[in-house]
Amino acid sequence: MNDETITIEFKFPWSMMPLESAGEWIDAVSGALQNTDPLFGKKLFVSGRHGSRNLLLVENDTDNTYAIVSYGVKGNAMECATSEIILSRQALSDKLRRDFEEQREKRRGRRPADGR
């Protein structure tokens, strides 16, 4: 299957980054990466955000891979670090599906004993 025909579905805990704020996130992440980070100096696009953890989904347009980037604030500065490289669109789709399924199972496990 051609990588271009693979649909990426954003389901909880991931959501798409609003397009109108993409430029700000691209600048923030690019400026916060250390020069030892594998994404440093690459052409990036921030496309998603994790709903309960400080994680971003970043598309590396330089080599057509994807990455999960953790972020935080230290003092007045944002800090970012690549926590996972995803080598293909199919692998990204699989990861997002697994994350959704894990969250769904966690929610099911939290139901009260009476099933409500």
N, C-alpha and C. Protein backbone atom coordinates (compact mmCIF):
# COMPACT_ATOMS: atom_id res chain seq x y z
N MET A 1 0.85 -1.18 0.00
CA MET A 1 0.00 0.00 0.00
C MET A 1 0.89 1.24 0.00
N ASN A 2 0.54 2.20 -0.81
CA ASN A 2 1.25 3.46 -0.89
C ASN A 2 1.02 4.26 0.38
N ASP A 3 2.10 4.82 0.95
CA ASP A 3 2.00 5.60 2.18
C ASP A 3 1.00 6.74 2.06
N GLU A 4 0.87 7.31 0.88
CA GLU A 4 -0.04 8.44 0.68
C GLU A 4 -1.51 8.06 0.83
N THR A 5 -1.86 6.80 0.62
CA THR A 5 -3.25 6.38 0.71
C THR A 5 -3.67 5.99 2.12
N ILE A 6 -2.75 6.03 3.07
CA ILE A 6 -3.05 5.67 4.45
C ILE A 6 -3.66 6.88 5.16
N THR A 7 -4.84 6.70 5.70
CA THR A 7 -5.54 7.77 6.41
C THR A 7 -5.08 7.81 7.86
N ILE A 8 -4.79 9.00 8.33
CA ILE A 8 -4.41 9.20 9.73
C ILE A 8 -5.65 9.69 10.46
N GLU A 9 -6.09 8.93 11.48
CA GLU A 9 -7.25 9.31 12.27
C GLU A 9 -6.80 9.80 13.64
N PHE A 10 -7.20 11.00 13.97
CA PHE A 10 -6.91 11.54 15.29
C PHE A 10 -8.09 11.24 16.20
N LYS A 11 -7.89 10.34 17.15
CA LYS A 11 -8.90 10.01 18.15
C LYS A 11 -8.25 10.17 19.51
N PHE A 12 -9.09 10.38 20.52
CA PHE A 12 -8.59 10.54 21.88
C PHE A 12 -7.59 9.43 22.18
N PRO A 13 -6.46 9.71 22.72
CA PRO A 13 -6.04 10.94 23.38
C PRO A 13 -5.38 11.97 22.47
N TRP A 14 -5.29 11.71 21.17
CA TRP A 14 -4.66 12.66 20.25
C TRP A 14 -5.73 13.53 19.58
N SER A 15 -5.36 14.77 19.29
CA SER A 15 -6.23 15.64 18.52
C SER A 15 -5.36 16.44 17.55
N MET A 16 -5.99 16.86 16.46
CA MET A 16 -5.27 17.66 15.48
C MET A 16 -4.98 19.04 16.05
N MET A 17 -3.84 19.55 15.70
CA MET A 17 -3.47 20.91 16.09
C MET A 17 -4.25 21.88 15.20
N PRO A 18 -4.89 22.88 15.78
CA PRO A 18 -5.60 23.86 14.94
C PRO A 18 -4.64 24.51 13.95
N LEU A 19 -5.02 24.54 12.69
CA LEU A 19 -4.15 25.07 11.65
C LEU A 19 -3.73 26.51 11.90
N GLU A 20 -4.62 27.29 12.49
CA GLU A 20 -4.29 28.70 12.72
C GLU A 20 -3.18 28.89 13.76
N SER A 21 -2.91 27.88 14.59
CA SER A 21 -1.82 28.01 15.56
C SER A 21 -0.59 27.19 15.17
N ALA A 22 -0.63 26.55 14.01
CA ALA A 22 0.47 25.68 13.59
C ALA A 22 1.80 26.44 13.49
N GLY A 23 1.78 27.62 12.93
CA GLY A 23 3.02 28.40 12.78
C GLY A 23 3.67 28.70 14.11
N GLU A 24 2.88 29.05 15.10
CA GLU A 24 3.41 29.34 16.44
C GLU A 24 4.06 28.10 17.05
N TRP A 25 3.39 26.94 16.91
CA TRP A 25 3.93 25.70 17.45
C TRP A 25 5.19 25.27 16.71
N ILE A 26 5.22 25.44 15.40
CA ILE A 26 6.41 25.10 14.62
C ILE A 26 7.59 25.92 15.11
N ASP A 27 7.39 27.23 15.25
CA ASP A 27 8.47 28.11 15.73
C ASP A 27 8.90 27.74 17.15
N ALA A 28 7.92 27.47 18.01
CA ALA A 28 8.23 27.14 19.40
C ALA A 28 9.03 25.85 19.51
N VAL A 29 8.58 24.81 18.81
CA VAL A 29 9.28 23.52 18.88
C VAL A 29 10.65 23.63 18.24
N SER A 30 10.73 24.21 17.06
CA SER A 30 12.02 24.34 16.38
C SER A 30 13.03 25.11 17.23
N GLY A 31 12.56 26.14 17.91
CA GLY A 31 13.45 26.95 18.75
C GLY A 31 13.80 26.31 20.07
N ALA A 32 13.05 25.31 20.49
CA ALA A 32 13.27 24.70 21.80
C ALA A 32 14.05 23.39 21.75
N LEU A 33 14.31 22.88 20.55
CA LEU A 33 15.07 21.64 20.42
C LEU A 33 16.57 21.90 20.63
N GLN A 34 17.22 20.99 21.31
CA GLN A 34 18.67 21.09 21.50
C GLN A 34 19.37 20.68 20.20
N ASN A 35 20.59 21.13 20.01
CA ASN A 35 21.31 20.80 18.77
C ASN A 35 21.68 19.33 18.68
N THR A 36 21.49 18.57 19.74
CA THR A 36 21.74 17.13 19.71
C THR A 36 20.48 16.32 19.40
N ASP A 37 19.34 16.98 19.33
CA ASP A 37 18.08 16.30 19.06
C ASP A 37 18.01 15.90 17.58
N PRO A 38 17.48 14.71 17.28
CA PRO A 38 17.41 14.28 15.87
C PRO A 38 16.55 15.17 14.97
N LEU A 39 15.67 15.98 15.55
CA LEU A 39 14.85 16.88 14.74
C LEU A 39 15.44 18.28 14.58
N PHE A 40 16.53 18.54 15.29
CA PHE A 40 17.14 19.87 15.25
C PHE A 40 17.52 20.24 13.81
N GLY A 41 17.10 21.43 13.39
CA GLY A 41 17.44 21.95 12.08
C GLY A 41 16.62 21.38 10.93
N LYS A 42 15.64 20.55 11.24
CA LYS A 42 14.79 19.94 10.20
C LYS A 42 13.59 20.83 9.93
N LYS A 43 12.97 20.63 8.79
CA LYS A 43 11.73 21.34 8.44
C LYS A 43 10.59 20.56 9.08
N LEU A 44 9.90 21.18 10.05
CA LEU A 44 8.90 20.50 10.87
C LEU A 44 7.51 21.07 10.66
N PHE A 45 6.52 20.22 10.94
CA PHE A 45 5.14 20.65 11.01
C PHE A 45 4.51 19.97 12.22
N VAL A 46 3.96 20.75 13.13
CA VAL A 46 3.33 20.21 14.34
C VAL A 46 1.87 19.95 14.00
N SER A 47 1.48 18.68 13.98
CA SER A 47 0.15 18.34 13.50
C SER A 47 -0.81 17.85 14.57
N GLY A 48 -0.31 17.43 15.74
CA GLY A 48 -1.21 16.90 16.76
C GLY A 48 -0.70 17.12 18.16
N ARG A 49 -1.63 16.93 19.10
CA ARG A 49 -1.32 17.13 20.51
C ARG A 49 -2.01 16.05 21.32
N HIS A 50 -1.29 15.52 22.30
CA HIS A 50 -1.85 14.51 23.20
C HIS A 50 -2.75 15.20 24.21
N GLY A 51 -3.89 14.58 24.52
CA GLY A 51 -4.87 15.21 25.39
C GLY A 51 -4.54 15.21 26.87
N SER A 52 -3.68 14.32 27.33
CA SER A 52 -3.43 14.27 28.77
C SER A 52 -1.94 14.29 29.14
N ARG A 53 -1.09 14.31 28.16
CA ARG A 53 0.35 14.37 28.42
C ARG A 53 0.95 15.48 27.56
N ASN A 54 2.08 15.99 27.95
CA ASN A 54 2.75 17.05 27.19
C ASN A 54 3.53 16.46 26.03
N LEU A 55 2.77 15.99 25.03
CA LEU A 55 3.35 15.38 23.84
C LEU A 55 2.76 16.01 22.59
N LEU A 56 3.61 16.17 21.60
CA LEU A 56 3.19 16.70 20.31
C LEU A 56 3.54 15.69 19.23
N LEU A 57 2.73 15.65 18.19
CA LEU A 57 3.02 14.85 17.02
C LEU A 57 3.62 15.80 15.99
N VAL A 58 4.83 15.48 15.55
CA VAL A 58 5.56 16.36 14.64
C VAL A 58 5.87 15.61 13.35
N GLU A 59 5.60 16.25 12.23
CA GLU A 59 5.96 15.69 10.94
C GLU A 59 7.29 16.30 10.54
N ASN A 60 8.24 15.44 10.21
CA ASN A 60 9.56 15.86 9.78
C ASN A 60 9.54 15.90 8.26
N ASP A 61 9.31 17.06 7.70
CA ASP A 61 9.20 17.21 6.25
C ASP A 61 10.55 17.08 5.55
N THR A 62 11.64 17.12 6.31
CA THR A 62 12.97 16.98 5.71
C THR A 62 13.19 15.56 5.21
N ASP A 63 12.77 14.55 6.00
CA ASP A 63 12.99 13.17 5.57
C ASP A 63 11.72 12.31 5.59
N ASN A 64 10.55 12.99 5.67
CA ASN A 64 9.25 12.30 5.60
C ASN A 64 9.06 11.24 6.68
N THR A 65 9.48 11.56 7.89
CA THR A 65 9.20 10.71 9.03
C THR A 65 8.34 11.52 10.00
N TYR A 66 8.02 10.90 11.12
CA TYR A 66 7.19 11.53 12.14
C TYR A 66 7.89 11.35 13.48
N ALA A 67 7.49 12.14 14.46
CA ALA A 67 8.10 12.01 15.78
C ALA A 67 7.10 12.42 16.85
N ILE A 68 7.28 11.83 18.02
CA ILE A 68 6.59 12.28 19.21
C ILE A 68 7.60 13.12 19.98
N VAL A 69 7.20 14.33 20.31
CA VAL A 69 8.08 15.27 20.99
C VAL A 69 7.45 15.63 22.33
N SER A 70 8.22 15.48 23.40
CA SER A 70 7.74 15.93 24.71
C SER A 70 8.11 17.41 24.86
N TYR A 71 7.27 18.13 25.61
CA TYR A 71 7.55 19.55 25.80
C TYR A 71 7.21 19.94 27.23
N GLY A 72 7.83 21.01 27.65
CA GLY A 72 7.58 21.56 28.97
C GLY A 72 8.12 22.98 29.01
N VAL A 73 7.91 23.63 30.12
CA VAL A 73 8.40 24.99 30.30
C VAL A 73 9.33 25.00 31.51
N LYS A 74 10.49 25.58 31.31
CA LYS A 74 11.45 25.74 32.39
C LYS A 74 11.77 27.23 32.47
N GLY A 75 11.36 27.84 33.57
CA GLY A 75 11.47 29.29 33.66
C GLY A 75 10.52 29.91 32.67
N ASN A 76 11.05 30.74 31.79
CA ASN A 76 10.24 31.36 30.74
C ASN A 76 10.44 30.70 29.38
N ALA A 77 11.21 29.62 29.34
CA ALA A 77 11.55 29.00 28.06
C ALA A 77 10.88 27.65 27.89
N MET A 78 10.49 27.37 26.67
CA MET A 78 9.93 26.07 26.34
C MET A 78 11.10 25.12 26.07
N GLU A 79 10.95 23.89 26.53
CA GLU A 79 11.94 22.85 26.26
C GLU A 79 11.25 21.71 25.52
N CYS A 80 11.89 21.19 24.50
CA CYS A 80 11.35 20.08 23.71
C CYS A 80 12.43 19.02 23.51
N ALA A 81 11.99 17.78 23.44
CA ALA A 81 12.90 16.68 23.16
C ALA A 81 12.15 15.58 22.43
N THR A 82 12.77 15.02 21.42
CA THR A 82 12.17 13.91 20.68
C THR A 82 12.17 12.68 21.56
N SER A 83 11.01 12.07 21.73
CA SER A 83 10.93 10.86 22.55
C SER A 83 10.74 9.61 21.70
N GLU A 84 10.29 9.77 20.45
CA GLU A 84 10.07 8.62 19.59
C GLU A 84 10.09 9.06 18.13
N ILE A 85 10.80 8.32 17.30
CA ILE A 85 10.80 8.54 15.86
C ILE A 85 9.89 7.48 15.24
N ILE A 86 9.04 7.91 14.34
CA ILE A 86 8.11 7.01 13.65
C ILE A 86 8.46 7.07 12.17
N LEU A 87 8.83 5.93 11.61
CA LEU A 87 9.44 5.90 10.29
C LEU A 87 8.50 5.92 9.10
N SER A 88 7.21 5.65 9.32
CA SER A 88 6.30 5.62 8.17
C SER A 88 4.91 6.10 8.56
N ARG A 89 4.14 6.44 7.56
CA ARG A 89 2.75 6.85 7.78
C ARG A 89 1.94 5.69 8.36
N GLN A 90 2.22 4.45 7.91
CA GLN A 90 1.52 3.28 8.43
C GLN A 90 1.84 3.10 9.91
N ALA A 91 3.10 3.25 10.28
CA ALA A 91 3.49 3.11 11.69
C ALA A 91 2.83 4.19 12.54
N LEU A 92 2.69 5.39 12.01
CA LEU A 92 2.01 6.47 12.72
C LEU A 92 0.54 6.12 12.92
N SER A 93 -0.11 5.67 11.87
CA SER A 93 -1.51 5.28 11.95
C SER A 93 -1.71 4.19 13.00
N ASP A 94 -0.82 3.21 13.00
CA ASP A 94 -0.90 2.11 13.98
C ASP A 94 -0.72 2.63 15.40
N LYS A 95 0.23 3.55 15.60
CA LYS A 95 0.47 4.09 16.95
C LYS A 95 -0.75 4.85 17.46
N LEU A 96 -1.33 5.69 16.63
CA LEU A 96 -2.50 6.46 17.06
C LEU A 96 -3.67 5.53 17.38
N ARG A 97 -3.84 4.47 16.59
CA ARG A 97 -4.90 3.49 16.86
C ARG A 97 -4.64 2.77 18.19
N ARG A 98 -3.39 2.35 18.44
CA ARG A 98 -3.06 1.68 19.71
C ARG A 98 -3.30 2.59 20.90
N ASP A 99 -2.89 3.85 20.77
CA ASP A 99 -3.10 4.80 21.88
C ASP A 99 -4.59 4.97 22.17
N PHE A 100 -5.41 5.05 21.12
CA PHE A 100 -6.86 5.16 21.29
C PHE A 100 -7.41 3.92 21.99
N GLU A 101 -6.99 2.75 21.54
CA GLU A 101 -7.48 1.50 22.14
C GLU A 101 -7.06 1.37 23.60
N GLU A 102 -5.83 1.78 23.92
CA GLU A 102 -5.38 1.74 25.32
C GLU A 102 -6.22 2.67 26.19
N GLN A 103 -6.51 3.86 25.71
CA GLN A 103 -7.34 4.80 26.46
C GLN A 103 -8.76 4.27 26.63
N ARG A 104 -9.29 3.65 25.60
CA ARG A 104 -10.64 3.08 25.67
C ARG A 104 -10.68 1.98 26.73
N GLU A 105 -9.67 1.14 26.76
CA GLU A 105 -9.62 0.06 27.76
C GLU A 105 -9.48 0.62 29.17
N LYS A 106 -8.71 1.67 29.34
CA LYS A 106 -8.57 2.30 30.65
C LYS A 106 -9.91 2.84 31.12
N ARG A 107 -10.65 3.48 30.22
CA ARG A 107 -11.97 4.03 30.59
C ARG A 107 -12.93 2.91 30.95
N ARG A 108 -12.89 1.82 30.23
CA ARG A 108 -13.75 0.68 30.54
C ARG A 108 -13.43 0.11 31.90
N GLY A 109 -12.17 0.08 32.25
CA GLY A 109 -11.74 -0.46 33.53
C GLY A 109 -12.14 0.40 34.71
N ARG A 110 -12.49 1.65 34.46
CA ARG A 110 -12.86 2.57 35.54
C ARG A 110 -14.34 2.62 35.81
N ARG A 111 -15.12 1.86 35.07
CA ARG A 111 -16.56 1.86 35.30
C ARG A 111 -16.89 1.29 36.69
N PRO A 112 -17.90 1.81 37.33
CA PRO A 112 -18.31 1.28 38.61
C PRO A 112 -18.79 -0.17 38.47
N ALA A 113 -18.82 -0.89 39.55
CA ALA A 113 -19.21 -2.29 39.55
C ALA A 113 -20.61 -2.52 38.99
N ASP A 114 -21.51 -1.53 39.14
CA ASP A 114 -22.88 -1.69 38.64
C ASP A 114 -22.99 -1.41 37.14
N GLY A 115 -21.86 -1.07 36.49
CA GLY A 115 -21.85 -0.90 35.04
C GLY A 115 -22.27 0.45 34.55
N ARG A 116 -22.54 1.40 35.43
CA ARG A 116 -22.96 2.74 34.97
C ARG A 116 -21.78 3.64 34.74
